[in-house]
Amino acid sequence: MYLEKIDIEKGIQPEILTVISRNDSNINTAINEAVAEMGAYLGARYNIDNELMKIGSTRNTLIVKLVRDIAIYNCYKSSNPVNMPDAQIAAYKDAISFLTKAQAERTNIDGLERLSDAVSGSSYLKYGGNDKRNNHY
């Protein structure tokens, strides 16, 4: 598994994690859901499978942080969503915002191997135009 309970405890106090998760299988479920969510955002751009095979200090610290924030949010959401701290909601929203920017190639994640266009099968198109001008004579 990419993250373990000890990694999650770096983002939340162990006593609180025990209360909101109730058992280790719920923590593992939250981690698996967080990894899947992160993979859905980054899978078209980066070789996520390579990253998920890493263990210990070889893992990308930014990806570990993002998955940890999402997993803690998932633990709260499954047990007590009403009393979730605002800081945890903000951390989750920040993680999703960053993943969205990485997916749209508005930011880059150093240390992750990029997929070539031939391998990814990506067919993203960028579109847009200039802002509308109001000319009065």
N, C-alpha and C. Protein backbone atom coordinates (compact mmCIF):
# COMPACT_ATOMS: atom_id res chain seq x y z
N MET A 1 0.85 -1.17 0.00
CA MET A 1 0.00 0.00 0.00
C MET A 1 0.90 1.23 0.00
N TYR A 2 0.48 2.26 -0.72
CA TYR A 2 1.29 3.48 -0.88
C TYR A 2 1.46 4.23 0.44
N LEU A 3 0.39 4.40 1.18
CA LEU A 3 0.45 5.04 2.50
C LEU A 3 0.08 4.03 3.56
N GLU A 4 0.62 4.23 4.72
CA GLU A 4 0.29 3.40 5.88
C GLU A 4 -0.35 4.29 6.95
N LYS A 5 -0.81 3.68 8.00
CA LYS A 5 -1.43 4.41 9.10
C LYS A 5 -0.46 5.42 9.70
N ILE A 6 0.82 5.07 9.79
CA ILE A 6 1.82 5.98 10.36
C ILE A 6 1.96 7.25 9.52
N ASP A 7 1.77 7.13 8.20
CA ASP A 7 1.83 8.32 7.33
C ASP A 7 0.62 9.22 7.57
N ILE A 8 -0.53 8.62 7.80
CA ILE A 8 -1.74 9.40 8.07
C ILE A 8 -1.62 10.12 9.40
N GLU A 9 -0.97 9.49 10.38
CA GLU A 9 -0.84 10.10 11.70
C GLU A 9 0.06 11.33 11.70
N LYS A 10 0.78 11.57 10.62
CA LYS A 10 1.58 12.79 10.52
C LYS A 10 0.71 14.00 10.20
N GLY A 11 -0.52 13.78 9.77
CA GLY A 11 -1.42 14.86 9.44
C GLY A 11 -2.56 15.04 10.42
N ILE A 12 -2.70 14.11 11.36
CA ILE A 12 -3.78 14.16 12.35
C ILE A 12 -3.29 13.46 13.61
N GLN A 13 -3.78 13.87 14.73
CA GLN A 13 -3.37 13.22 15.98
C GLN A 13 -3.88 11.78 16.01
N PRO A 14 -3.04 10.85 16.47
CA PRO A 14 -3.44 9.42 16.46
C PRO A 14 -4.73 9.13 17.20
N GLU A 15 -4.98 9.86 18.30
CA GLU A 15 -6.21 9.62 19.07
C GLU A 15 -7.45 10.00 18.26
N ILE A 16 -7.34 11.10 17.54
CA ILE A 16 -8.47 11.55 16.72
C ILE A 16 -8.69 10.58 15.57
N LEU A 17 -7.59 10.11 14.98
CA LEU A 17 -7.71 9.15 13.88
C LEU A 17 -8.38 7.87 14.34
N THR A 18 -8.05 7.41 15.54
CA THR A 18 -8.66 6.20 16.08
C THR A 18 -10.17 6.39 16.28
N VAL A 19 -10.55 7.57 16.75
CA VAL A 19 -11.97 7.84 17.00
C VAL A 19 -12.75 7.93 15.70
N ILE A 20 -12.22 8.66 14.71
CA ILE A 20 -13.01 8.86 13.49
C ILE A 20 -13.00 7.65 12.56
N SER A 21 -11.96 6.81 12.67
CA SER A 21 -11.90 5.65 11.77
C SER A 21 -12.48 4.39 12.38
N ARG A 22 -12.45 4.28 13.68
CA ARG A 22 -12.96 3.14 14.44
C ARG A 22 -12.14 1.87 14.31
N ASN A 23 -11.55 1.60 13.14
CA ASN A 23 -10.66 0.44 12.99
C ASN A 23 -9.74 0.65 11.79
N ASP A 24 -8.72 -0.20 11.71
CA ASP A 24 -7.71 -0.04 10.66
C ASP A 24 -8.24 -0.31 9.26
N SER A 25 -9.27 -1.14 9.14
CA SER A 25 -9.79 -1.41 7.80
C SER A 25 -10.44 -0.17 7.20
N ASN A 26 -11.06 0.67 8.05
CA ASN A 26 -11.63 1.92 7.55
C ASN A 26 -10.53 2.88 7.10
N ILE A 27 -9.39 2.88 7.79
CA ILE A 27 -8.26 3.72 7.38
C ILE A 27 -7.74 3.23 6.03
N ASN A 28 -7.60 1.93 5.88
CA ASN A 28 -7.13 1.38 4.61
C ASN A 28 -8.09 1.70 3.46
N THR A 29 -9.38 1.66 3.73
CA THR A 29 -10.37 2.01 2.72
C THR A 29 -10.24 3.48 2.33
N ALA A 30 -10.07 4.35 3.32
CA ALA A 30 -9.91 5.78 3.04
C ALA A 30 -8.65 6.04 2.23
N ILE A 31 -7.57 5.33 2.53
CA ILE A 31 -6.32 5.48 1.77
C ILE A 31 -6.51 5.01 0.34
N ASN A 32 -7.13 3.85 0.16
CA ASN A 32 -7.36 3.33 -1.19
C ASN A 32 -8.24 4.27 -2.02
N GLU A 33 -9.26 4.85 -1.39
CA GLU A 33 -10.11 5.80 -2.09
C GLU A 33 -9.33 7.06 -2.46
N ALA A 34 -8.46 7.52 -1.57
CA ALA A 34 -7.66 8.72 -1.83
C ALA A 34 -6.67 8.48 -2.96
N VAL A 35 -6.05 7.31 -2.98
CA VAL A 35 -5.11 6.97 -4.06
C VAL A 35 -5.86 6.89 -5.38
N ALA A 36 -7.05 6.31 -5.39
CA ALA A 36 -7.83 6.22 -6.62
C ALA A 36 -8.25 7.61 -7.11
N GLU A 37 -8.62 8.47 -6.19
CA GLU A 37 -9.01 9.83 -6.56
C GLU A 37 -7.84 10.61 -7.14
N MET A 38 -6.67 10.48 -6.51
CA MET A 38 -5.47 11.14 -7.02
C MET A 38 -5.09 10.57 -8.38
N GLY A 39 -5.20 9.28 -8.55
CA GLY A 39 -4.88 8.65 -9.83
C GLY A 39 -5.82 9.08 -10.94
N ALA A 40 -7.08 9.34 -10.60
CA ALA A 40 -8.03 9.79 -11.61
C ALA A 40 -7.66 11.17 -12.15
N TYR A 41 -7.12 12.01 -11.30
CA TYR A 41 -6.71 13.34 -11.74
C TYR A 41 -5.40 13.30 -12.53
N LEU A 42 -4.44 12.52 -12.07
CA LEU A 42 -3.09 12.59 -12.63
C LEU A 42 -2.76 11.47 -13.63
N GLY A 43 -3.62 10.50 -13.76
CA GLY A 43 -3.32 9.33 -14.58
C GLY A 43 -3.11 9.61 -16.06
N ALA A 44 -3.73 10.67 -16.58
CA ALA A 44 -3.58 10.98 -18.00
C ALA A 44 -2.28 11.72 -18.30
N ARG A 45 -1.65 12.27 -17.30
CA ARG A 45 -0.45 13.08 -17.50
C ARG A 45 0.83 12.42 -16.99
N TYR A 46 0.71 11.68 -15.89
CA TYR A 46 1.88 11.15 -15.21
C TYR A 46 1.80 9.63 -15.09
N ASN A 47 2.95 9.01 -14.94
CA ASN A 47 3.02 7.56 -14.73
C ASN A 47 2.78 7.29 -13.25
N ILE A 48 1.52 7.24 -12.88
CA ILE A 48 1.13 7.07 -11.48
C ILE A 48 1.47 5.68 -10.98
N ASP A 49 1.38 4.67 -11.84
CA ASP A 49 1.68 3.30 -11.42
C ASP A 49 3.10 3.19 -10.90
N ASN A 50 4.04 3.88 -11.55
CA ASN A 50 5.43 3.89 -11.07
C ASN A 50 5.53 4.50 -9.69
N GLU A 51 4.83 5.60 -9.47
CA GLU A 51 4.87 6.28 -8.18
C GLU A 51 4.25 5.41 -7.09
N LEU A 52 3.19 4.71 -7.39
CA LEU A 52 2.50 3.91 -6.38
C LEU A 52 3.29 2.67 -5.98
N MET A 53 4.29 2.29 -6.76
CA MET A 53 5.15 1.15 -6.41
C MET A 53 6.24 1.53 -5.40
N LYS A 54 6.47 2.82 -5.23
CA LYS A 54 7.54 3.28 -4.35
C LYS A 54 7.11 3.16 -2.90
N ILE A 55 8.13 3.00 -2.03
CA ILE A 55 7.87 2.92 -0.59
C ILE A 55 8.87 3.82 0.14
N GLY A 56 8.52 4.17 1.35
CA GLY A 56 9.44 4.91 2.20
C GLY A 56 9.81 6.28 1.68
N SER A 57 11.08 6.62 1.78
CA SER A 57 11.54 7.96 1.41
C SER A 57 11.68 8.16 -0.09
N THR A 58 11.48 7.12 -0.89
CA THR A 58 11.57 7.27 -2.34
C THR A 58 10.29 7.86 -2.93
N ARG A 59 9.22 7.91 -2.14
CA ARG A 59 7.95 8.46 -2.62
C ARG A 59 8.05 9.97 -2.80
N ASN A 60 7.25 10.50 -3.68
CA ASN A 60 7.17 11.94 -3.90
C ASN A 60 6.45 12.56 -2.71
N THR A 61 7.11 13.50 -2.03
CA THR A 61 6.53 14.07 -0.81
C THR A 61 5.24 14.85 -1.07
N LEU A 62 5.14 15.49 -2.22
CA LEU A 62 3.93 16.23 -2.53
C LEU A 62 2.75 15.28 -2.74
N ILE A 63 2.98 14.18 -3.42
CA ILE A 63 1.91 13.20 -3.64
C ILE A 63 1.49 12.57 -2.32
N VAL A 64 2.46 12.29 -1.45
CA VAL A 64 2.14 11.73 -0.13
C VAL A 64 1.25 12.70 0.64
N LYS A 65 1.59 13.98 0.61
CA LYS A 65 0.80 14.99 1.32
C LYS A 65 -0.61 15.08 0.75
N LEU A 66 -0.73 15.10 -0.57
CA LEU A 66 -2.05 15.20 -1.19
C LEU A 66 -2.92 13.99 -0.85
N VAL A 67 -2.34 12.80 -0.95
CA VAL A 67 -3.09 11.58 -0.64
C VAL A 67 -3.46 11.55 0.84
N ARG A 68 -2.56 12.00 1.71
CA ARG A 68 -2.83 12.03 3.15
C ARG A 68 -4.00 12.97 3.45
N ASP A 69 -4.00 14.17 2.86
CA ASP A 69 -5.09 15.11 3.10
C ASP A 69 -6.43 14.57 2.62
N ILE A 70 -6.42 13.92 1.48
CA ILE A 70 -7.66 13.35 0.95
C ILE A 70 -8.12 12.17 1.81
N ALA A 71 -7.18 11.35 2.27
CA ALA A 71 -7.53 10.19 3.11
C ALA A 71 -8.11 10.62 4.45
N ILE A 72 -7.53 11.64 5.06
CA ILE A 72 -8.07 12.14 6.34
C ILE A 72 -9.48 12.69 6.13
N TYR A 73 -9.67 13.42 5.04
CA TYR A 73 -11.00 13.92 4.71
C TYR A 73 -11.98 12.76 4.54
N ASN A 74 -11.56 11.70 3.88
CA ASN A 74 -12.42 10.53 3.68
C ASN A 74 -12.78 9.87 5.01
N CYS A 75 -11.83 9.82 5.94
CA CYS A 75 -12.11 9.25 7.27
C CYS A 75 -13.19 10.06 7.98
N TYR A 76 -13.04 11.39 7.96
CA TYR A 76 -14.05 12.25 8.59
C TYR A 76 -15.39 12.09 7.89
N LYS A 77 -15.37 12.07 6.57
CA LYS A 77 -16.61 12.01 5.80
C LYS A 77 -17.39 10.74 6.09
N SER A 78 -16.69 9.64 6.30
CA SER A 78 -17.39 8.38 6.54
C SER A 78 -17.90 8.24 7.96
N SER A 79 -17.30 8.96 8.91
CA SER A 79 -17.72 8.76 10.30
C SER A 79 -18.46 9.95 10.90
N ASN A 80 -17.98 11.17 10.64
CA ASN A 80 -18.57 12.32 11.31
C ASN A 80 -18.43 13.57 10.44
N PRO A 81 -19.14 13.66 9.35
CA PRO A 81 -18.96 14.79 8.45
C PRO A 81 -19.46 16.11 9.02
N VAL A 82 -20.37 16.07 9.98
CA VAL A 82 -20.92 17.30 10.54
C VAL A 82 -19.88 18.04 11.38
N ASN A 83 -19.06 17.30 12.11
CA ASN A 83 -18.08 17.91 13.00
C ASN A 83 -16.68 17.95 12.40
N MET A 84 -16.58 17.97 11.09
CA MET A 84 -15.27 18.02 10.45
C MET A 84 -14.66 19.42 10.64
N PRO A 85 -13.39 19.47 11.05
CA PRO A 85 -12.75 20.78 11.24
C PRO A 85 -12.64 21.54 9.92
N ASP A 86 -12.78 22.86 10.01
CA ASP A 86 -12.68 23.70 8.82
C ASP A 86 -11.30 23.59 8.18
N ALA A 87 -10.26 23.41 9.00
CA ALA A 87 -8.90 23.27 8.46
C ALA A 87 -8.79 22.03 7.58
N GLN A 88 -9.49 20.96 7.95
CA GLN A 88 -9.43 19.74 7.15
C GLN A 88 -10.20 19.89 5.84
N ILE A 89 -11.31 20.60 5.89
CA ILE A 89 -12.06 20.87 4.66
C ILE A 89 -11.22 21.72 3.72
N ALA A 90 -10.54 22.72 4.28
CA ALA A 90 -9.68 23.59 3.46
C ALA A 90 -8.51 22.80 2.87
N ALA A 91 -7.92 21.89 3.64
CA ALA A 91 -6.81 21.08 3.14
C ALA A 91 -7.28 20.19 1.99
N TYR A 92 -8.47 19.62 2.11
CA TYR A 92 -9.02 18.79 1.05
C TYR A 92 -9.27 19.62 -0.21
N LYS A 93 -9.88 20.77 -0.05
CA LYS A 93 -10.17 21.63 -1.20
C LYS A 93 -8.88 22.09 -1.88
N ASP A 94 -7.85 22.39 -1.07
CA ASP A 94 -6.55 22.78 -1.63
C ASP A 94 -5.94 21.63 -2.43
N ALA A 95 -6.04 20.41 -1.90
CA ALA A 95 -5.49 19.24 -2.60
C ALA A 95 -6.20 19.02 -3.93
N ILE A 96 -7.51 19.10 -3.93
CA ILE A 96 -8.28 18.90 -5.16
C ILE A 96 -7.99 20.03 -6.15
N SER A 97 -7.87 21.25 -5.65
CA SER A 97 -7.54 22.37 -6.53
C SER A 97 -6.18 22.17 -7.19
N PHE A 98 -5.20 21.71 -6.42
CA PHE A 98 -3.88 21.48 -6.99
C PHE A 98 -3.92 20.35 -8.02
N LEU A 99 -4.63 19.28 -7.72
CA LEU A 99 -4.74 18.17 -8.66
C LEU A 99 -5.45 18.59 -9.95
N THR A 100 -6.44 19.46 -9.83
CA THR A 100 -7.13 19.97 -11.01
C THR A 100 -6.18 20.81 -11.86
N LYS A 101 -5.36 21.63 -11.22
CA LYS A 101 -4.38 22.44 -11.95
C LYS A 101 -3.34 21.55 -12.63
N ALA A 102 -2.91 20.50 -11.95
CA ALA A 102 -1.93 19.59 -12.54
C ALA A 102 -2.55 18.84 -13.72
N GLN A 103 -3.80 18.49 -13.61
CA GLN A 103 -4.49 17.81 -14.69
C GLN A 103 -4.61 18.71 -15.92
N ALA A 104 -4.85 20.00 -15.70
CA ALA A 104 -4.99 20.95 -16.79
C ALA A 104 -3.64 21.52 -17.25
N GLU A 105 -2.56 21.01 -16.69
CA GLU A 105 -1.20 21.42 -17.01
C GLU A 105 -0.94 22.89 -16.70
N ARG A 106 -1.56 23.39 -15.65
CA ARG A 106 -1.27 24.74 -15.19
C ARG A 106 -0.21 24.74 -14.09
N THR A 107 0.17 23.56 -13.64
CA THR A 107 1.25 23.39 -12.69
C THR A 107 1.94 22.07 -12.98
N ASN A 108 3.12 21.90 -12.44
CA ASN A 108 3.91 20.69 -12.71
C ASN A 108 4.30 20.05 -11.38
N ILE A 109 4.40 18.75 -11.37
CA ILE A 109 4.82 18.02 -10.17
C ILE A 109 6.21 17.48 -10.44
N ASP A 110 7.20 18.08 -9.79
CA ASP A 110 8.58 17.63 -9.97
C ASP A 110 8.76 16.24 -9.39
N GLY A 111 9.51 15.43 -10.08
CA GLY A 111 9.82 14.09 -9.61
C GLY A 111 8.90 13.01 -10.13
N LEU A 112 7.81 13.38 -10.76
CA LEU A 112 6.92 12.38 -11.35
C LEU A 112 7.25 12.24 -12.83
N GLU A 113 7.25 11.00 -13.27
CA GLU A 113 7.54 10.72 -14.67
C GLU A 113 6.32 11.03 -15.52
N ARG A 114 6.52 11.86 -16.53
CA ARG A 114 5.42 12.22 -17.44
C ARG A 114 5.22 11.12 -18.46
N LEU A 115 3.99 10.95 -18.87
CA LEU A 115 3.68 10.02 -19.95
C LEU A 115 3.88 10.73 -21.27
N SER A 116 4.36 10.00 -22.25
CA SER A 116 4.45 10.59 -23.58
C SER A 116 3.04 10.61 -24.17
N ASP A 117 2.83 11.46 -25.16
CA ASP A 117 1.49 11.56 -25.75
C ASP A 117 1.04 10.26 -26.39
N ALA A 118 2.01 9.48 -26.92
CA ALA A 118 1.66 8.22 -27.57
C ALA A 118 1.17 7.20 -26.55
N VAL A 119 1.74 7.22 -25.33
CA VAL A 119 1.37 6.25 -24.32
C VAL A 119 0.07 6.63 -23.62
N SER A 120 -0.10 7.92 -23.35
CA SER A 120 -1.24 8.33 -22.55
C SER A 120 -2.55 8.27 -23.31
N GLY A 121 -2.51 8.47 -24.62
CA GLY A 121 -3.75 8.50 -25.37
C GLY A 121 -4.55 9.75 -25.07
N SER A 122 -3.89 10.75 -24.52
CA SER A 122 -4.57 11.98 -24.14
C SER A 122 -5.03 12.74 -25.37
N SER A 123 -6.24 13.23 -25.32
CA SER A 123 -6.77 14.00 -26.43
C SER A 123 -7.31 15.34 -25.93
N TYR A 124 -6.62 15.94 -24.98
CA TYR A 124 -7.05 17.22 -24.46
C TYR A 124 -6.87 18.30 -25.52
N LEU A 125 -7.86 19.14 -25.64
CA LEU A 125 -7.79 20.28 -26.54
C LEU A 125 -7.94 21.54 -25.71
N LYS A 126 -7.12 22.51 -26.01
CA LYS A 126 -7.27 23.80 -25.35
C LYS A 126 -8.02 24.71 -26.30
N TYR A 127 -8.95 25.43 -25.78
CA TYR A 127 -9.71 26.34 -26.61
C TYR A 127 -9.91 27.64 -25.86
N GLY A 128 -10.34 28.62 -26.54
CA GLY A 128 -10.59 29.91 -25.93
C GLY A 128 -10.37 31.00 -26.94
N GLY A 129 -10.39 32.19 -26.48
CA GLY A 129 -10.20 33.32 -27.37
C GLY A 129 -9.87 34.55 -26.57
N ASN A 130 -9.88 35.67 -27.24
CA ASN A 130 -9.62 36.93 -26.57
C ASN A 130 -10.88 37.40 -25.86
N ASP A 131 -10.69 38.28 -24.91
CA ASP A 131 -11.82 38.87 -24.22
C ASP A 131 -12.62 39.74 -25.18
N LYS A 132 -13.90 39.81 -24.95
CA LYS A 132 -14.76 40.61 -25.80
C LYS A 132 -14.42 42.09 -25.62
N ARG A 133 -14.35 42.77 -26.73
CA ARG A 133 -14.04 44.20 -26.70
C ARG A 133 -15.32 44.98 -26.96
N ASN A 134 -15.45 46.04 -26.25
CA ASN A 134 -16.60 46.94 -26.46
C ASN A 134 -16.09 48.21 -27.10
N ASN A 135 -16.34 48.38 -28.37
CA ASN A 135 -15.93 49.57 -29.09
C ASN A 135 -17.15 50.46 -29.35
N HIS A 136 -17.04 51.67 -28.95
CA HIS A 136 -18.13 52.63 -29.17
C HIS A 136 -17.59 53.78 -30.00
N TYR A 137 -18.36 54.22 -30.98
CA TYR A 137 -17.95 55.33 -31.84
C TYR A 137 -18.86 56.50 -31.64
